[in-house]
Protein backbone atom coordinates (compact mmCIF):
# COMPACT_ATOMS: atom_id res chain seq x y z
CA MET A 1 8.93 7.21 9.38
CA PHE A 2 7.10 10.86 10.67
CA ARG A 3 5.51 10.04 14.38
CA ARG A 4 4.29 13.73 15.08
CA ILE A 5 1.61 15.80 13.56
CA SER A 6 0.75 18.91 15.52
CA ALA A 7 -2.51 20.14 16.64
CA LEU A 8 -2.12 22.62 13.96
CA VAL A 9 -1.94 20.55 11.25
CA LEU A 10 -4.69 18.72 12.39
CA ALA A 11 -6.88 20.91 12.46
CA GLY A 12 -6.15 23.03 9.49
CA LEU A 13 -5.52 19.73 7.03
CA THR A 14 -2.87 20.51 4.49
CA ALA A 15 -4.96 21.96 1.53
CA MET A 16 -4.37 21.29 -2.15
CA SER A 17 -6.84 22.95 -4.60
CA VAL A 18 -6.35 23.49 -7.89
CA ALA A 19 -8.87 25.05 -10.48
CA SER A 20 -11.49 22.78 -11.54
CA CYS A 21 -13.57 22.38 -14.33
CA GLY A 22 -16.94 21.84 -15.09
CA GLY A 23 -18.77 18.28 -16.00
CA GLY A 24 -20.08 17.03 -12.48
CA SER A 25 -23.33 17.47 -11.37
CA GLY A 26 -22.56 19.53 -8.59
CA GLY A 27 -22.10 18.50 -4.87
CA SER A 28 -22.48 19.82 -1.00
CA GLY A 29 -19.36 21.36 -1.51
CA SER A 30 -19.70 22.84 -4.59
CA GLY A 31 -22.27 24.75 -6.27
CA ASP A 32 -20.96 25.36 -9.86
CA GLY A 33 -20.69 21.30 -10.52
CA SER A 34 -17.19 20.91 -9.83
CA ILE A 35 -15.87 18.17 -6.99
CA THR A 36 -14.25 18.41 -4.20
CA MET A 37 -12.57 15.15 -2.44
CA GLY A 38 -11.01 14.84 0.51
CA PHE A 39 -8.17 12.35 0.53
CA ALA A 40 -7.12 11.19 3.87
CA GLN A 41 -3.50 9.40 2.87
CA VAL A 42 -2.09 6.65 5.44
CA GLY A 43 1.52 8.93 5.17
CA ALA A 44 4.60 8.98 3.50
CA GLU A 45 6.02 5.77 4.96
CA SER A 46 7.67 4.53 1.52
CA GLY A 47 8.74 5.18 -1.66
CA TRP A 48 5.33 3.56 -2.58
CA ARG A 49 3.13 5.91 -1.00
CA THR A 50 5.12 8.89 -2.06
CA ALA A 51 4.39 7.42 -5.54
CA ASN A 52 1.06 7.15 -5.02
CA THR A 53 0.10 10.60 -3.04
CA LYS A 54 1.83 12.47 -6.20
CA SER A 55 -0.85 10.03 -8.67
CA VAL A 56 -3.02 11.17 -6.57
CA GLN A 57 -2.74 14.95 -6.31
CA ASP A 58 -1.72 14.96 -10.49
CA SER A 59 -4.50 13.22 -11.39
CA ALA A 60 -6.78 15.59 -9.79
CA LYS A 61 -5.33 18.36 -11.26
CA ASN A 62 -5.68 17.00 -14.44
CA ALA A 63 -9.32 16.00 -13.58
CA GLY A 64 -10.22 19.36 -12.55
CA VAL A 65 -10.84 17.90 -9.01
CA THR A 66 -10.59 20.43 -5.79
CA LEU A 67 -8.21 18.05 -3.39
CA LYS A 68 -8.20 18.66 0.04
CA PHE A 69 -5.31 16.30 1.23
CA SER A 70 -4.32 15.00 4.63
CA ASP A 71 -0.88 12.98 5.90
CA ALA A 72 -2.18 11.07 8.85
CA GLN A 73 1.59 9.73 9.50
CA GLN A 74 0.28 6.00 9.84
CA LYS A 75 -2.18 6.86 12.99
CA GLN A 76 -5.90 5.74 12.15
CA GLU A 77 -6.92 8.54 15.04
CA ASN A 78 -5.51 11.44 12.38
CA GLN A 79 -7.68 9.89 9.82
CA ILE A 80 -10.69 9.90 11.41
CA LYS A 81 -10.25 13.17 12.25
CA ALA A 82 -9.22 13.93 8.41
CA ILE A 83 -12.25 12.07 7.73
CA ARG A 84 -14.84 14.44 10.54
CA SER A 85 -12.79 16.99 9.01
CA TYR A 86 -14.07 16.47 5.25
CA ILE A 87 -17.67 15.70 6.67
CA GLN A 88 -17.91 19.23 8.76
CA GLN A 89 -16.74 20.91 4.91
CA LYS A 90 -19.03 19.30 2.90
CA VAL A 91 -17.13 17.81 0.27
CA ASP A 92 -18.35 15.98 -2.76
CA VAL A 93 -16.77 12.49 -2.06
CA ILE A 94 -14.41 11.23 0.55
CA ALA A 95 -11.35 8.78 -0.59
CA PHE A 96 -9.00 7.27 1.73
CA SER A 97 -6.64 3.71 2.48
CA PRO A 98 -7.09 2.80 5.99
CA VAL A 99 -4.25 2.34 8.19
CA VAL A 100 -5.41 -0.60 9.54
CA GLU A 101 -8.48 -2.64 8.54
CA SER A 102 -11.31 -2.33 11.74
CA GLY A 103 -12.51 0.58 13.58
CA TRP A 104 -13.90 2.24 10.89
CA ASP A 105 -17.81 2.10 10.56
CA THR A 106 -18.24 4.73 13.27
CA VAL A 107 -16.72 7.15 10.96
CA LEU A 108 -17.93 5.82 7.99
CA LYS A 109 -21.25 5.99 9.08
CA GLU A 110 -21.15 9.40 9.80
CA ALA A 111 -19.66 10.05 6.08
CA LYS A 112 -22.95 7.64 5.14
CA ASP A 113 -25.53 10.14 7.23
CA ALA A 114 -24.07 13.43 5.86
CA LYS A 115 -24.58 12.24 2.27
CA ILE A 116 -21.05 12.16 1.20
CA PRO A 117 -19.95 8.87 -0.70
CA VAL A 118 -16.73 7.22 0.09
CA ILE A 119 -14.22 5.67 -2.13
CA LEU A 120 -11.39 2.80 -0.26
CA THR A 121 -8.19 3.26 -2.09
CA ASP A 122 -5.30 0.77 -1.73
CA ARG A 123 -6.41 -0.67 1.31
CA ALA A 124 -9.57 -2.40 2.23
CA VAL A 125 -11.39 -2.52 5.77
CA ASP A 126 -13.26 -5.51 7.35
CA SER A 127 -16.71 -3.32 7.78
CA LYS A 128 -19.58 -6.08 7.50
CA ASP A 129 -21.33 -3.08 5.89
CA THR A 130 -20.65 -2.43 3.40
CA SER A 131 -23.31 0.01 1.86
CA LEU A 132 -20.57 2.75 4.19
CA TYR A 133 -18.75 2.73 1.19
CA LYS A 134 -19.23 2.43 -2.93
CA THR A 135 -16.47 1.13 -4.22
CA PHE A 136 -12.41 -0.12 -2.86
CA LEU A 137 -9.70 0.44 -5.63
CA GLY A 138 -6.95 -1.64 -5.30
CA SER A 139 -4.57 -4.46 -5.86
CA ASP A 140 -5.46 -7.90 -4.91
CA PHE A 141 -3.22 -8.54 -1.51
CA VAL A 142 -3.40 -12.06 -1.48
CA GLU A 143 -3.08 -12.89 -4.74
CA GLU A 144 0.36 -10.94 -4.15
CA GLY A 145 1.27 -13.04 -1.35
CA LYS A 146 0.33 -16.50 -3.70
CA LYS A 147 3.02 -15.00 -6.29
CA ALA A 148 5.81 -14.60 -4.16
CA GLY A 149 4.55 -17.71 -2.57
CA GLN A 150 4.65 -19.47 -6.18
CA TRP A 151 8.43 -18.30 -7.16
CA LEU A 152 9.56 -19.77 -3.46
CA VAL A 153 8.10 -23.06 -4.62
CA GLN A 154 9.29 -22.81 -8.35
CA GLU A 155 12.92 -21.72 -6.96
CA TYR A 156 13.22 -24.54 -4.01
CA LYS A 157 11.36 -27.42 -6.32
CA ASP A 158 14.39 -29.92 -5.87
CA ALA A 159 15.63 -28.79 -2.48
CA LYS A 160 15.79 -31.28 -0.16
CA ASP A 161 16.46 -30.15 3.32
CA PRO A 162 14.38 -26.93 5.23
CA VAL A 163 13.99 -23.73 3.86
CA ASN A 164 14.36 -21.57 6.66
CA ILE A 165 12.16 -18.41 5.80
CA VAL A 166 11.95 -15.19 7.48
CA GLU A 167 9.18 -12.56 6.93
CA LEU A 168 9.42 -8.80 7.35
CA GLN A 169 5.54 -8.37 7.76
CA GLY A 170 3.58 -4.74 6.87
CA THR A 171 2.45 -2.60 9.45
CA THR A 172 0.18 -4.32 12.12
CA GLY A 173 -3.29 -5.16 11.43
CA SER A 174 -3.14 -3.39 7.55
CA ALA A 175 -5.22 -5.06 5.27
CA PRO A 176 -1.74 -5.60 2.86
CA ALA A 177 0.31 -6.91 5.87
CA ASN A 178 -2.58 -9.57 6.70
CA ASP A 179 -3.06 -10.95 2.90
CA ARG A 180 0.14 -10.66 1.76
CA LYS A 181 0.91 -13.09 5.11
CA ALA A 182 -2.01 -15.18 3.98
CA GLY A 183 -1.59 -15.82 0.76
CA PHE A 184 2.28 -16.72 0.91
CA ALA A 185 1.58 -18.84 3.84
CA GLN A 186 -1.54 -20.72 2.00
CA VAL A 187 0.73 -21.38 -1.39
CA ILE A 188 4.09 -22.89 0.81
CA GLY A 189 2.23 -24.70 3.27
CA ALA A 190 1.67 -27.49 1.05
CA ASP A 191 5.11 -28.53 1.12
CA PRO A 192 6.53 -28.94 5.30
CA LYS A 193 10.25 -28.34 3.72
CA PHE A 194 9.17 -24.17 4.01
CA LYS A 195 8.98 -23.21 7.32
CA VAL A 196 8.41 -19.27 8.29
CA ILE A 197 11.14 -19.12 11.02
CA ALA A 198 10.93 -15.76 12.08
CA SER A 199 8.05 -13.17 11.27
CA GLN A 200 7.80 -9.89 12.43
CA THR A 201 6.46 -6.10 11.82
CA GLY A 202 8.90 -3.95 10.13
CA ASP A 203 5.88 -1.37 9.74
CA PHE A 204 6.64 -0.97 5.87
CA THR A 205 9.79 1.30 6.35
CA ARG A 206 13.24 1.18 5.16
CA ALA A 207 14.77 1.76 8.71
CA LYS A 208 12.47 -0.61 10.60
CA GLY A 209 12.77 -3.73 7.99
CA LYS A 210 16.77 -2.64 8.99
CA GLU A 211 16.03 -3.15 12.67
CA VAL A 212 14.42 -5.89 12.72
CA MET A 213 16.67 -7.67 10.15
CA GLU A 214 19.79 -7.36 12.42
CA ALA A 215 17.76 -8.74 15.07
CA PHE A 216 16.76 -11.59 12.81
CA LEU A 217 20.29 -12.68 11.42
CA LYS A 218 21.34 -12.47 15.65
CA SER A 219 18.45 -14.74 16.58
CA ASN A 220 18.73 -17.23 13.69
CA PRO A 221 22.27 -17.93 11.92
CA ASP A 222 20.85 -20.41 9.35
CA ILE A 223 18.28 -17.92 7.10
CA ASP A 224 17.90 -19.02 3.63
CA VAL A 225 14.84 -16.51 2.82
CA LEU A 226 13.70 -13.13 3.09
CA TYR A 227 10.40 -12.49 2.10
CA ALA A 228 9.23 -8.80 2.67
CA HIS A 229 5.98 -7.34 2.49
CA ASN A 230 7.28 -4.08 0.27
CA ASP A 231 10.29 -3.07 -1.68
CA ASP A 232 11.24 -0.68 1.26
CA MET A 233 11.93 -3.34 4.14
CA GLY A 234 13.91 -5.47 1.50
CA LEU A 235 16.07 -2.98 1.01
CA GLY A 236 16.48 -2.18 4.66
CA ALA A 237 17.33 -5.73 5.42
CA ILE A 238 20.09 -5.73 2.31
CA GLU A 239 21.89 -2.75 4.42
CA ALA A 240 21.44 -5.41 7.60
CA ILE A 241 22.33 -8.96 5.60
CA GLU A 242 25.70 -6.86 4.43
CA GLY A 243 26.46 -5.48 7.54
CA ALA A 244 26.41 -9.00 8.96
CA GLY A 245 28.56 -10.09 6.11
CA LYS A 246 26.37 -11.76 3.82
CA VAL A 247 25.63 -11.35 -0.07
CA PRO A 248 22.18 -10.45 -0.26
CA GLY A 249 20.51 -12.32 -3.16
CA LYS A 250 22.75 -15.63 -2.68
CA ASP A 251 23.40 -16.11 0.96
CA ILE A 252 19.85 -14.87 1.54
CA LYS A 253 17.31 -15.27 -1.55
CA ILE A 254 14.82 -12.01 -0.86
CA ILE A 255 11.63 -12.08 -2.14
CA THR A 256 9.33 -8.49 -2.26
CA VAL A 257 6.86 -6.54 -3.13
CA ASP A 258 5.78 -3.33 -4.91
CA ALA A 259 8.26 -2.71 -7.56
CA VAL A 260 9.36 0.93 -7.00
CA LYS A 261 12.59 2.49 -8.54
CA ASP A 262 14.72 1.16 -5.94
CA GLY A 263 13.63 -2.02 -5.42
CA MET A 264 13.77 -2.47 -9.13
CA GLN A 265 17.24 -1.14 -9.03
CA ALA A 266 18.13 -3.84 -6.23
CA LEU A 267 16.53 -6.50 -8.29
CA ALA A 268 18.64 -5.69 -11.13
CA ASP A 269 22.09 -5.47 -9.59
CA GLY A 270 21.00 -9.33 -7.81
CA LYS A 271 20.47 -8.12 -4.57
CA ILE A 272 17.26 -9.52 -4.87
CA ASN A 273 15.55 -12.26 -6.09
CA TYR A 274 12.15 -11.55 -7.62
CA ILE A 275 9.17 -8.83 -6.98
CA VAL A 276 5.56 -9.07 -6.69
CA GLU A 277 4.20 -5.80 -8.58
CA CYS A 278 1.88 -2.93 -6.71
CA SER A 279 0.89 -0.63 -8.54
CA PRO A 280 0.71 2.96 -7.03
CA LEU A 281 -0.84 5.02 -9.90
CA LEU A 282 -3.84 4.44 -8.87
CA GLY A 283 -5.57 8.26 -9.44
CA PRO A 284 -6.53 8.40 -12.76
CA GLN A 285 -8.93 5.39 -11.86
CA LEU A 286 -9.91 7.36 -9.09
CA MET A 287 -10.61 10.43 -10.62
CA ASP A 288 -12.92 8.70 -12.41
CA LEU A 289 -14.65 6.65 -9.97
CA ALA A 290 -15.61 10.29 -7.84
CA LYS A 291 -17.26 11.97 -10.60
CA LYS A 292 -19.39 8.57 -11.08
CA VAL A 293 -20.07 8.35 -7.52
CA VAL A 294 -20.64 11.98 -6.99
CA LYS A 295 -23.25 12.20 -9.93
CA GLY A 296 -25.03 8.86 -8.68
CA GLU A 297 -24.33 6.30 -11.44
CA GLN A 298 -23.42 2.83 -10.27
CA VAL A 299 -19.12 1.56 -10.21
CA PRO A 300 -18.47 -2.12 -9.15
CA ALA A 301 -18.22 -2.86 -5.86
CA ARG A 302 -14.46 -3.94 -6.40
CA VAL A 303 -11.92 -2.61 -8.92
CA VAL A 304 -8.67 -4.15 -9.23
CA THR A 305 -5.36 -2.88 -10.55
CA GLU A 306 -3.50 -5.10 -13.12
CA GLU A 307 -0.31 -5.76 -12.14
CA THR A 308 2.72 -8.15 -13.08
CA THR A 309 5.80 -10.07 -11.18
CA PHE A 310 9.56 -9.05 -12.28
CA THR A 311 12.84 -11.52 -12.31
CA GLN A 312 16.48 -9.95 -12.83
CA GLU A 313 16.52 -9.89 -16.10
CA GLN A 314 12.79 -8.30 -16.34
CA ALA A 315 13.63 -5.34 -14.45
CA LYS A 316 17.21 -4.95 -16.45
CA GLN A 317 14.48 -4.58 -18.96
CA VAL A 318 12.35 -1.79 -17.79
CA LEU A 319 14.43 0.24 -15.05
CA SER A 320 14.56 2.91 -17.25
CA SER A 321 11.07 3.55 -18.17
CA ARG A 322 9.47 3.18 -14.32
CA GLN A 323 7.56 6.05 -13.69
CA TYR A 324 8.17 5.38 -9.67
């Protein structure tokens, strides 16, 4: 997606201010009982992320939380700069979805020293010091990978021949990429007929998913299954598969994660075979947690979102009511 971010944006960071109402205990960023949140988003790399951003922005407005928002454009250094800016602005709470898992201890310690609570959303960090953040709100990515693997095992339970799988991984080093890969491998590893013959990052984008799938098809003519870590990469791969004269969903079975509207449409059309849901609508829960941590209330260290899975028939039933 967007690969450049100007110095002006980094210095100024997009601020989305909304009318705030009372009810908080009052933090360092405001003296009137309202809450100011600094939110450092990964980017806009997919339909899922766009829906996630909208959920956070809309929920902040509804909750009377003043939101200072930044788009890191999938670069860790941009997120770190944004978080440091929020610390300097003395916001009441910082929330962010980490681009990658590692390398956060220094900036998170700066927030802790400034007595600004931090909430992780959607993605985790691998810091051993869990006191650097108050809670992690998001999906169980390992479980998502397991669900993908379980469907595959069931789908090919009677197969005798090897099942050749290619994998489109998410952004290298990110929690969903690491965990979705691990969960999937754990399930299919019990049966030697399942063979991952190629696995490469598609960076969670449709364009990169298409590009990598084209390379997979050229180097591996006999592919039975594609496992994509998100819908957007899967949708890009569908273009590559069709471009190679093959039928997605039939010649190559496709499993994806997310369940955004475009993915669900492809599932309903039979081009994708199975989708594991990962809901982006974290905004309401995030605002609730933010109010609690600013007041000094105890919150669970881990808050897992409730999600399901979809077959083609299930996708047809719910497609018209999807919010994202």
